[in-house]
């Protein structure tokens, strides 16, 4: 995964061949904040600047800078997969929600 983390904030990094620069996009914000650089040190410096400016603008305008998540979302999967995970959850003595939550937590922390 092409990500960079600074002070607990994460950004997705991609190469922009038209500009011959790396572009970063800060994730989890209530708006857009991006930055560019040629080297990793350029990216880190610009990441900090972009985040600082974004936070200052949010404070000036009274805007919550970070997205809020409810902890709920709908997921559409095939009936076959639904059946498989329901059986696996039951076999492990877990609710479907517990099983899926643990699988997602594992994937999020282990890059799976």
Foldseek 3Di string as FASTA:
>chain_A
DQWDDDPRWIWHWDQDVVVCWIKIWTPFWPDTFMFIDNDPVRRVVRVVVRVVVQVVVCVVVVHDTGDDDPPDDDDDDDPVVVVVLCVVQVVVVHHSVVSVVVVVVCCVVVVD
